[in-house]
Amino acid sequence: LLWQFEEAGIVAAVIGRIREDQDRIVTNGEEKR
């Protein structure tokens, strides 16, 4: 999908993934909230 967006001139990034549990987490190095 990133390649398709790049072809269309759209800025995009893979920023994470879906988890098996219900936790919604943001990490910053070793820090997690």
PDB file of all heavy atoms in Angstrom:
ATOM      1  N   LEU A   1       0.826  -1.204   0.000  1.00  0.00           N
ATOM      2  CA  LEU A   1       0.000   0.000   0.000  1.00  0.00           C
ATOM      3  C   LEU A   1       0.862   1.256   0.000  1.00  0.00           C
ATOM      4  O   LEU A   1       0.532   2.237  -0.683  1.00  0.00           O
ATOM      5  CB  LEU A   1      -0.931  -0.010   1.214  1.00  0.00           C
ATOM      6  CG  LEU A   1      -1.962   1.120   1.301  1.00  0.00           C
ATOM      7  CD1 LEU A   1      -2.825   1.175   0.048  1.00  0.00           C
ATOM      8  CD2 LEU A   1      -2.833   0.957   2.550  1.00  0.00           C
ATOM      9  N   LEU A   2       1.977   1.238   0.730  1.00  0.00           N
ATOM     10  CA  LEU A   2       2.891   2.392   0.723  1.00  0.00           C
ATOM     11  C   LEU A   2       3.420   2.647  -0.675  1.00  0.00           C
ATOM     12  O   LEU A   2       3.556   3.800  -1.105  1.00  0.00           O
ATOM     13  CB  LEU A   2       4.053   2.156   1.688  1.00  0.00           C
ATOM     14  CG  LEU A   2       3.777   2.176   3.183  1.00  0.00           C
ATOM     15  CD1 LEU A   2       5.080   2.157   3.962  1.00  0.00           C
ATOM     16  CD2 LEU A   2       2.931   3.370   3.586  1.00  0.00           C
ATOM     17  N   TRP A   3       3.724   1.585  -1.398  1.00  0.00           N
ATOM     18  CA  TRP A   3       4.219   1.746  -2.778  1.00  0.00           C
ATOM     19  C   TRP A   3       3.141   2.376  -3.648  1.00  0.00           C
ATOM     20  O   TRP A   3       3.430   3.274  -4.460  1.00  0.00           O
ATOM     21  CB  TRP A   3       4.617   0.379  -3.337  1.00  0.00           C
ATOM     22  CG  TRP A   3       5.085   0.445  -4.759  1.00  0.00           C
ATOM     23  CD1 TRP A   3       6.322   0.791  -5.211  1.00  0.00           C
ATOM     24  CD2 TRP A   3       4.297   0.189  -5.929  1.00  0.00           C
ATOM     25  NE1 TRP A   3       6.369   0.765  -6.584  1.00  0.00           N
ATOM     26  CE2 TRP A   3       5.132   0.391  -7.053  1.00  0.00           C
ATOM     27  CE3 TRP A   3       2.972  -0.212  -6.132  1.00  0.00           C
ATOM     28  CZ2 TRP A   3       4.672   0.216  -8.354  1.00  0.00           C
ATOM     29  CZ3 TRP A   3       2.514  -0.377  -7.425  1.00  0.00           C
ATOM     30  CH2 TRP A   3       3.356  -0.174  -8.527  1.00  0.00           C
ATOM     31  N   GLN A   4       1.890   1.955  -3.471  1.00  0.00           N
ATOM     32  CA  GLN A   4       0.794   2.530  -4.256  1.00  0.00           C
ATOM     33  C   GLN A   4       0.599   4.006  -3.918  1.00  0.00           C
ATOM     34  O   GLN A   4       0.354   4.827  -4.811  1.00  0.00           O
ATOM     35  CB  GLN A   4      -0.501   1.743  -3.991  1.00  0.00           C
ATOM     36  CG  GLN A   4      -0.493   0.347  -4.554  1.00  0.00           C
ATOM     37  CD  GLN A   4      -1.749  -0.426  -4.185  1.00  0.00           C
ATOM     38  OE1 GLN A   4      -1.983  -0.752  -3.018  1.00  0.00           O
ATOM     39  NE2 GLN A   4      -2.570  -0.711  -5.177  1.00  0.00           N
ATOM     40  N   PHE A   5       0.709   4.353  -2.649  1.00  0.00           N
ATOM     41  CA  PHE A   5       0.584   5.754  -2.247  1.00  0.00           C
ATOM     42  C   PHE A   5       1.738   6.586  -2.814  1.00  0.00           C
ATOM     43  O   PHE A   5       1.544   7.720  -3.258  1.00  0.00           O
ATOM     44  CB  PHE A   5       0.547   5.877  -0.720  1.00  0.00           C
ATOM     45  CG  PHE A   5      -0.782   5.534  -0.108  1.00  0.00           C
ATOM     46  CD1 PHE A   5      -0.852   4.983   1.158  1.00  0.00           C
ATOM     47  CD2 PHE A   5      -1.962   5.770  -0.786  1.00  0.00           C
ATOM     48  CE1 PHE A   5      -2.073   4.673   1.739  1.00  0.00           C
ATOM     49  CE2 PHE A   5      -3.198   5.469  -0.223  1.00  0.00           C
ATOM     50  CZ  PHE A   5      -3.250   4.910   1.046  1.00  0.00           C
ATOM     51  N   GLU A   6       2.934   6.031  -2.788  1.00  0.00           N
ATOM     52  CA  GLU A   6       4.091   6.750  -3.330  1.00  0.00           C
ATOM     53  C   GLU A   6       3.901   7.033  -4.817  1.00  0.00           C
ATOM     54  O   GLU A   6       4.220   8.121  -5.295  1.00  0.00           O
ATOM     55  CB  GLU A   6       5.366   5.930  -3.109  1.00  0.00           C
ATOM     56  CG  GLU A   6       6.638   6.663  -3.533  1.00  0.00           C
ATOM     57  CD  GLU A   6       7.894   5.857  -3.257  1.00  0.00           C
ATOM     58  OE1 GLU A   6       7.800   4.770  -2.637  1.00  0.00           O
ATOM     59  OE2 GLU A   6       8.985   6.320  -3.664  1.00  0.00           O
ATOM     60  N   GLU A   7       3.365   6.052  -5.543  1.00  0.00           N
ATOM     61  CA  GLU A   7       3.083   6.238  -6.971  1.00  0.00           C
ATOM     62  C   GLU A   7       2.085   7.374  -7.195  1.00  0.00           C
ATOM     63  O   GLU A   7       2.141   8.069  -8.213  1.00  0.00           O
ATOM     64  CB  GLU A   7       2.536   4.946  -7.565  1.00  0.00           C
ATOM     65  CG  GLU A   7       3.562   3.838  -7.715  1.00  0.00           C
ATOM     66  CD  GLU A   7       4.517   4.090  -8.871  1.00  0.00           C
ATOM     67  OE1 GLU A   7       4.041   4.144 -10.017  1.00  0.00           O
ATOM     68  OE2 GLU A   7       5.726   4.260  -8.623  1.00  0.00           O
ATOM     69  N   ALA A   8       1.164   7.560  -6.238  1.00  0.00           N
ATOM     70  CA  ALA A   8       0.139   8.592  -6.358  1.00  0.00           C
ATOM     71  C   ALA A   8       0.569   9.917  -5.729  1.00  0.00           C
ATOM     72  O   ALA A   8      -0.217  10.874  -5.717  1.00  0.00           O
ATOM     73  CB  ALA A   8      -1.153   8.111  -5.714  1.00  0.00           C
ATOM     74  N   GLY A   9       1.784   9.981  -5.183  1.00  0.00           N
ATOM     75  CA  GLY A   9       2.277  11.202  -4.566  1.00  0.00           C
ATOM     76  C   GLY A   9       1.676  11.492  -3.201  1.00  0.00           C
ATOM     77  O   GLY A   9       1.581  12.652  -2.786  1.00  0.00           O
ATOM     78  N   ILE A  10       1.264  10.438  -2.480  1.00  0.00           N
ATOM     79  CA  ILE A  10       0.639  10.588  -1.162  1.00  0.00           C
ATOM     80  C   ILE A  10       1.626  10.161  -0.072  1.00  0.00           C
ATOM     81  O   ILE A  10       2.171   9.062  -0.116  1.00  0.00           O
ATOM     82  CB  ILE A  10      -0.643   9.734  -1.060  1.00  0.00           C
ATOM     83  CG1 ILE A  10      -1.676  10.230  -2.085  1.00  0.00           C
ATOM     84  CG2 ILE A  10      -1.230   9.773   0.346  1.00  0.00           C
ATOM     85  CD1 ILE A  10      -2.850   9.292  -2.270  1.00  0.00           C
ATOM     86  N   VAL A  11       1.862  11.040   0.897  1.00  0.00           N
ATOM     87  CA  VAL A  11       2.748  10.731   2.018  1.00  0.00           C
ATOM     88  C   VAL A  11       2.071   9.714   2.931  1.00  0.00           C
ATOM     89  O   VAL A  11       0.906   9.871   3.310  1.00  0.00           O
ATOM     90  CB  VAL A  11       3.073  12.007   2.820  1.00  0.00           C
ATOM     91  CG1 VAL A  11       3.862  11.669   4.079  1.00  0.00           C
ATOM     92  CG2 VAL A  11       3.840  12.990   1.951  1.00  0.00           C
ATOM     93  N   ALA A  12       2.773   8.633   3.281  1.00  0.00           N
ATOM     94  CA  ALA A  12       2.194   7.602   4.143  1.00  0.00           C
ATOM     95  C   ALA A  12       3.305   6.832   4.842  1.00  0.00           C
ATOM     96  O   ALA A  12       4.463   6.839   4.398  1.00  0.00           O
ATOM     97  CB  ALA A  12       1.317   6.653   3.337  1.00  0.00           C
ATOM     98  N   ALA A  13       2.951   6.139   5.925  1.00  0.00           N
ATOM     99  CA  ALA A  13       3.909   5.327   6.680  1.00  0.00           C
ATOM    100  C   ALA A  13       3.172   4.222   7.413  1.00  0.00           C
ATOM    101  O   ALA A  13       2.004   4.384   7.796  1.00  0.00           O
ATOM    102  CB  ALA A  13       4.682   6.192   7.679  1.00  0.00           C
ATOM    103  N   VAL A  14       3.849   3.086   7.603  1.00  0.00           N
ATOM    104  CA  VAL A  14       3.336   2.039   8.490  1.00  0.00           C
ATOM    105  C   VAL A  14       3.745   2.430   9.907  1.00  0.00           C
ATOM    106  O   VAL A  14       4.936   2.551  10.198  1.00  0.00           O
ATOM    107  CB  VAL A  14       3.907   0.650   8.128  1.00  0.00           C
ATOM    108  CG1 VAL A  14       3.442  -0.392   9.143  1.00  0.00           C
ATOM    109  CG2 VAL A  14       3.482   0.251   6.717  1.00  0.00           C
ATOM    110  N   ILE A  15       2.770   2.650  10.788  1.00  0.00           N
ATOM    111  CA  ILE A  15       3.076   3.167  12.119  1.00  0.00           C
ATOM    112  C   ILE A  15       2.851   2.137  13.225  1.00  0.00           C
ATOM    113  O   ILE A  15       3.190   2.390  14.376  1.00  0.00           O
ATOM    114  CB  ILE A  15       2.265   4.439  12.426  1.00  0.00           C
ATOM    115  CG1 ILE A  15       0.760   4.137  12.451  1.00  0.00           C
ATOM    116  CG2 ILE A  15       2.586   5.535  11.435  1.00  0.00           C
ATOM    117  CD1 ILE A  15      -0.080   5.294  12.968  1.00  0.00           C
ATOM    118  N   GLY A  16       2.263   0.987  12.899  1.00  0.00           N
ATOM    119  CA  GLY A  16       1.998   0.004  13.936  1.00  0.00           C
ATOM    120  C   GLY A  16       1.273  -1.209  13.403  1.00  0.00           C
ATOM    121  O   GLY A  16       1.277  -1.483  12.193  1.00  0.00           O
ATOM    122  N   ARG A  17       0.604  -1.906  14.316  1.00  0.00           N
ATOM    123  CA  ARG A  17      -0.073  -3.149  13.945  1.00  0.00           C
ATOM    124  C   ARG A  17      -1.258  -3.394  14.872  1.00  0.00           C
ATOM    125  O   ARG A  17      -1.365  -2.780  15.941  1.00  0.00           O
ATOM    126  CB  ARG A  17       0.902  -4.326  14.066  1.00  0.00           C
ATOM    127  CG  ARG A  17       1.410  -4.548  15.477  1.00  0.00           C
ATOM    128  CD  ARG A  17       2.381  -5.703  15.591  1.00  0.00           C
ATOM    129  NE  ARG A  17       2.883  -5.845  16.958  1.00  0.00           N
ATOM    130  CZ  ARG A  17       2.265  -6.528  17.909  1.00  0.00           C
ATOM    131  NH1 ARG A  17       1.114  -7.130  17.635  1.00  0.00           N
ATOM    132  NH2 ARG A  17       2.778  -6.620  19.128  1.00  0.00           N
ATOM    133  N   ILE A  18      -2.127  -4.297  14.452  1.00  0.00           N
ATOM    134  CA  ILE A  18      -3.250  -4.727  15.280  1.00  0.00           C
ATOM    135  C   ILE A  18      -2.761  -5.807  16.250  1.00  0.00           C
ATOM    136  O   ILE A  18      -2.034  -6.712  15.864  1.00  0.00           O
ATOM    137  CB  ILE A  18      -4.397  -5.274  14.407  1.00  0.00           C
ATOM    138  CG1 ILE A  18      -4.911  -4.183  13.460  1.00  0.00           C
ATOM    139  CG2 ILE A  18      -5.528  -5.818  15.271  1.00  0.00           C
ATOM    140  CD1 ILE A  18      -5.552  -3.006  14.152  1.00  0.00           C
ATOM    141  N   ARG A  19      -3.179  -5.701  17.528  1.00  0.00           N
ATOM    142  CA  ARG A  19      -2.754  -6.642  18.562  1.00  0.00           C
ATOM    143  C   ARG A  19      -3.789  -7.755  18.756  1.00  0.00           C
ATOM    144  O   ARG A  19      -4.947  -7.638  18.338  1.00  0.00           O
ATOM    145  CB  ARG A  19      -2.573  -5.906  19.894  1.00  0.00           C
ATOM    146  CG  ARG A  19      -1.379  -4.964  19.919  1.00  0.00           C
ATOM    147  CD  ARG A  19      -1.383  -4.141  21.196  1.00  0.00           C
ATOM    148  NE  ARG A  19      -1.340  -4.963  22.396  1.00  0.00           N
ATOM    149  CZ  ARG A  19      -0.224  -5.300  23.043  1.00  0.00           C
ATOM    150  NH1 ARG A  19       0.947  -4.866  22.595  1.00  0.00           N
ATOM    151  NH2 ARG A  19      -0.263  -6.035  24.134  1.00  0.00           N
ATOM    152  N   GLU A  20      -3.354  -8.817  19.415  1.00  0.00           N
ATOM    153  CA  GLU A  20      -4.253  -9.913  19.734  1.00  0.00           C
ATOM    154  C   GLU A  20      -5.164  -9.571  20.910  1.00  0.00           C
ATOM    155  O   GLU A  20      -6.274 -10.096  21.010  1.00  0.00           O
ATOM    156  CB  GLU A  20      -3.451 -11.186  20.048  1.00  0.00           C
ATOM    157  CG  GLU A  20      -2.727 -11.764  18.835  1.00  0.00           C
ATOM    158  CD  GLU A  20      -2.083 -13.102  19.138  1.00  0.00           C
ATOM    159  OE1 GLU A  20      -2.295 -13.610  20.261  1.00  0.00           O
ATOM    160  OE2 GLU A  20      -1.387 -13.629  18.255  1.00  0.00           O
ATOM    161  N   ASP A  21      -4.698  -8.698  21.829  1.00  0.00           N
ATOM    162  CA  ASP A  21      -5.530  -8.302  22.965  1.00  0.00           C
ATOM    163  C   ASP A  21      -6.218  -6.967  22.658  1.00  0.00           C
ATOM    164  O   ASP A  21      -6.162  -6.474  21.540  1.00  0.00           O
ATOM    165  CB  ASP A  21      -4.691  -8.219  24.239  1.00  0.00           C
ATOM    166  CG  ASP A  21      -3.491  -7.281  24.083  1.00  0.00           C
ATOM    167  OD1 ASP A  21      -3.595  -6.311  23.310  1.00  0.00           O
ATOM    168  OD2 ASP A  21      -2.452  -7.527  24.727  1.00  0.00           O
ATOM    169  N   GLN A  22      -6.849  -6.385  23.664  1.00  0.00           N
ATOM    170  CA  GLN A  22      -7.596  -5.138  23.478  1.00  0.00           C
ATOM    171  C   GLN A  22      -6.804  -3.891  23.868  1.00  0.00           C
ATOM    172  O   GLN A  22      -7.335  -2.779  23.837  1.00  0.00           O
ATOM    173  CB  GLN A  22      -8.893  -5.190  24.291  1.00  0.00           C
ATOM    174  CG  GLN A  22      -9.895  -6.230  23.804  1.00  0.00           C
ATOM    175  CD  GLN A  22     -10.454  -5.894  22.444  1.00  0.00           C
ATOM    176  OE1 GLN A  22     -10.884  -4.771  22.194  1.00  0.00           O
ATOM    177  NE2 GLN A  22     -10.442  -6.868  21.542  1.00  0.00           N
ATOM    178  N   ASP A  23      -5.525  -4.043  24.241  1.00  0.00           N
ATOM    179  CA  ASP A  23      -4.727  -2.897  24.658  1.00  0.00           C
ATOM    180  C   ASP A  23      -4.439  -1.986  23.471  1.00  0.00           C
ATOM    181  O   ASP A  23      -4.142  -2.458  22.364  1.00  0.00           O
ATOM    182  CB  ASP A  23      -3.410  -3.355  25.272  1.00  0.00           C
ATOM    183  CG  ASP A  23      -3.607  -4.067  26.601  1.00  0.00           C
ATOM    184  OD1 ASP A  23      -4.690  -3.882  27.206  1.00  0.00           O
ATOM    185  OD2 ASP A  23      -2.700  -4.807  27.026  1.00  0.00           O
ATOM    186  N   ARG A  24      -4.484  -0.687  23.706  1.00  0.00           N
ATOM    187  CA  ARG A  24      -4.158   0.316  22.678  1.00  0.00           C
ATOM    188  C   ARG A  24      -2.974   1.121  23.189  1.00  0.00           C
ATOM    189  O   ARG A  24      -3.114   1.967  24.074  1.00  0.00           O
ATOM    190  CB  ARG A  24      -5.370   1.184  22.391  1.00  0.00           C
ATOM    191  CG  ARG A  24      -6.471   0.364  21.697  1.00  0.00           C
ATOM    192  CD  ARG A  24      -7.844   0.874  21.878  1.00  0.00           C
ATOM    193  NE  ARG A  24      -8.792  -0.188  21.527  1.00  0.00           N
ATOM    194  CZ  ARG A  24     -10.104  -0.079  21.659  1.00  0.00           C
ATOM    195  NH1 ARG A  24     -10.630   1.043  22.132  1.00  0.00           N
ATOM    196  NH2 ARG A  24     -10.896  -1.083  21.332  1.00  0.00           N
ATOM    197  N   ILE A  25      -1.824   0.847  22.619  1.00  0.00           N
ATOM    198  CA  ILE A  25      -0.550   1.274  23.191  1.00  0.00           C
ATOM    199  C   ILE A  25       0.231   2.125  22.201  1.00  0.00           C
ATOM    200  O   ILE A  25       0.266   1.849  20.995  1.00  0.00           O
ATOM    201  CB  ILE A  25       0.290   0.046  23.583  1.00  0.00           C
ATOM    202  CG1 ILE A  25      -0.419  -0.769  24.667  1.00  0.00           C
ATOM    203  CG2 ILE A  25       1.675   0.451  24.062  1.00  0.00           C
ATOM    204  CD1 ILE A  25       0.224  -2.104  24.949  1.00  0.00           C
ATOM    205  N   VAL A  26       0.890   3.159  22.711  1.00  0.00           N
ATOM    206  CA  VAL A  26       1.864   3.940  21.944  1.00  0.00           C
ATOM    207  C   VAL A  26       3.211   3.787  22.639  1.00  0.00           C
ATOM    208  O   VAL A  26       3.323   3.974  23.853  1.00  0.00           O
ATOM    209  CB  VAL A  26       1.478   5.424  21.870  1.00  0.00           C
ATOM    210  CG1 VAL A  26       2.550   6.222  21.131  1.00  0.00           C
ATOM    211  CG2 VAL A  26       0.125   5.600  21.177  1.00  0.00           C
ATOM    212  N   THR A  27       4.228   3.434  21.874  1.00  0.00           N
ATOM    213  CA  THR A  27       5.574   3.279  22.425  1.00  0.00           C
ATOM    214  C   THR A  27       6.485   4.372  21.896  1.00  0.00           C
ATOM    215  O   THR A  27       6.309   4.879  20.785  1.00  0.00           O
ATOM    216  CB  THR A  27       6.167   1.905  22.060  1.00  0.00           C
ATOM    217  OG1 THR A  27       6.298   1.808  20.625  1.00  0.00           O
ATOM    218  CG2 THR A  27       5.292   0.773  22.559  1.00  0.00           C
ATOM    219  N   ASN A  28       7.465   4.717  22.712  1.00  0.00           N
ATOM    220  CA  ASN A  28       8.496   5.685  22.325  1.00  0.00           C
ATOM    221  C   ASN A  28       9.810   5.169  22.891  1.00  0.00           C
ATOM    222  O   ASN A  28      10.181   5.486  24.015  1.00  0.00           O
ATOM    223  CB  ASN A  28       8.167   7.077  22.858  1.00  0.00           C
ATOM    224  CG  ASN A  28       9.157   8.127  22.381  1.00  0.00           C
ATOM    225  OD1 ASN A  28       9.910   7.900  21.435  1.00  0.00           O
ATOM    226  ND2 ASN A  28       9.158   9.274  23.039  1.00  0.00           N
ATOM    227  N   GLY A  29      10.487   4.319  22.109  1.00  0.00           N
ATOM    228  CA  GLY A  29      11.658   3.643  22.628  1.00  0.00           C
ATOM    229  C   GLY A  29      11.237   2.637  23.688  1.00  0.00           C
ATOM    230  O   GLY A  29      10.391   1.782  23.446  1.00  0.00           O
ATOM    231  N   GLU A  30      11.807   2.750  24.886  1.00  0.00           N
ATOM    232  CA  GLU A  30      11.459   1.853  25.979  1.00  0.00           C
ATOM    233  C   GLU A  30      10.195   2.294  26.721  1.00  0.00           C
ATOM    234  O   GLU A  30       9.651   1.551  27.531  1.00  0.00           O
ATOM    235  CB  GLU A  30      12.632   1.772  26.983  1.00  0.00           C
ATOM    236  CG  GLU A  30      13.899   1.180  26.387  1.00  0.00           C
ATOM    237  CD  GLU A  30      13.697  -0.251  25.932  1.00  0.00           C
ATOM    238  OE1 GLU A  30      13.049  -1.030  26.664  1.00  0.00           O
ATOM    239  OE2 GLU A  30      14.176  -0.602  24.833  1.00  0.00           O
ATOM    240  N   GLU A  31       9.746   3.508  26.437  1.00  0.00           N
ATOM    241  CA  GLU A  31       8.581   4.043  27.140  1.00  0.00           C
ATOM    242  C   GLU A  31       7.285   3.555  26.490  1.00  0.00           C
ATOM    243  O   GLU A  31       7.181   3.470  25.273  1.00  0.00           O
ATOM    244  CB  GLU A  31       8.623   5.580  27.118  1.00  0.00           C
ATOM    245  CG  GLU A  31       7.652   6.242  28.075  1.00  0.00           C
ATOM    246  CD  GLU A  31       7.812   7.753  28.091  1.00  0.00           C
ATOM    247  OE1 GLU A  31       8.660   8.261  27.342  1.00  0.00           O
ATOM    248  OE2 GLU A  31       7.071   8.398  28.852  1.00  0.00           O
ATOM    249  N   LYS A  32       6.295   3.243  27.305  1.00  0.00           N
ATOM    250  CA  LYS A  32       5.033   2.726  26.800  1.00  0.00           C
ATOM    251  C   LYS A  32       3.881   3.327  27.598  1.00  0.00           C
ATOM    252  O   LYS A  32       3.926   3.383  28.814  1.00  0.00           O
ATOM    253  CB  LYS A  32       5.012   1.204  26.904  1.00  0.00           C
ATOM    254  CG  LYS A  32       3.740   0.549  26.405  1.00  0.00           C
ATOM    255  CD  LYS A  32       3.885  -0.959  26.287  1.00  0.00           C
ATOM    256  CE  LYS A  32       3.998  -1.626  27.639  1.00  0.00           C
ATOM    257  NZ  LYS A  32       4.000  -3.116  27.512  1.00  0.00           N
ATOM    258  N   ARG A  33       2.846   3.786  26.896  1.00  0.00           N
ATOM    259  CA  ARG A  33       1.658   4.335  27.538  1.00  0.00           C
ATOM    260  C   ARG A  33       0.406   3.828  26.825  1.00  0.00           C
ATOM    261  O   ARG A  33       0.440   3.491  25.649  1.00  0.00           O
ATOM    262  CB  ARG A  33       1.671   5.874  27.492  1.00  0.00           C
ATOM    263  CG  ARG A  33       2.720   6.518  28.373  1.00  0.00           C
ATOM    264  CD  ARG A  33       2.390   6.349  29.852  1.00  0.00           C
ATOM    265  NE  ARG A  33       3.309   7.076  30.696  1.00  0.00           N
ATOM    266  CZ  ARG A  33       4.471   6.635  31.115  1.00  0.00           C
ATOM    267  NH1 ARG A  33       4.898   5.432  30.757  1.00  0.00           N
ATOM    268  NH2 ARG A  33       5.250   7.365  31.884  1.00  0.00           N
TER     269      ARG A  33
END
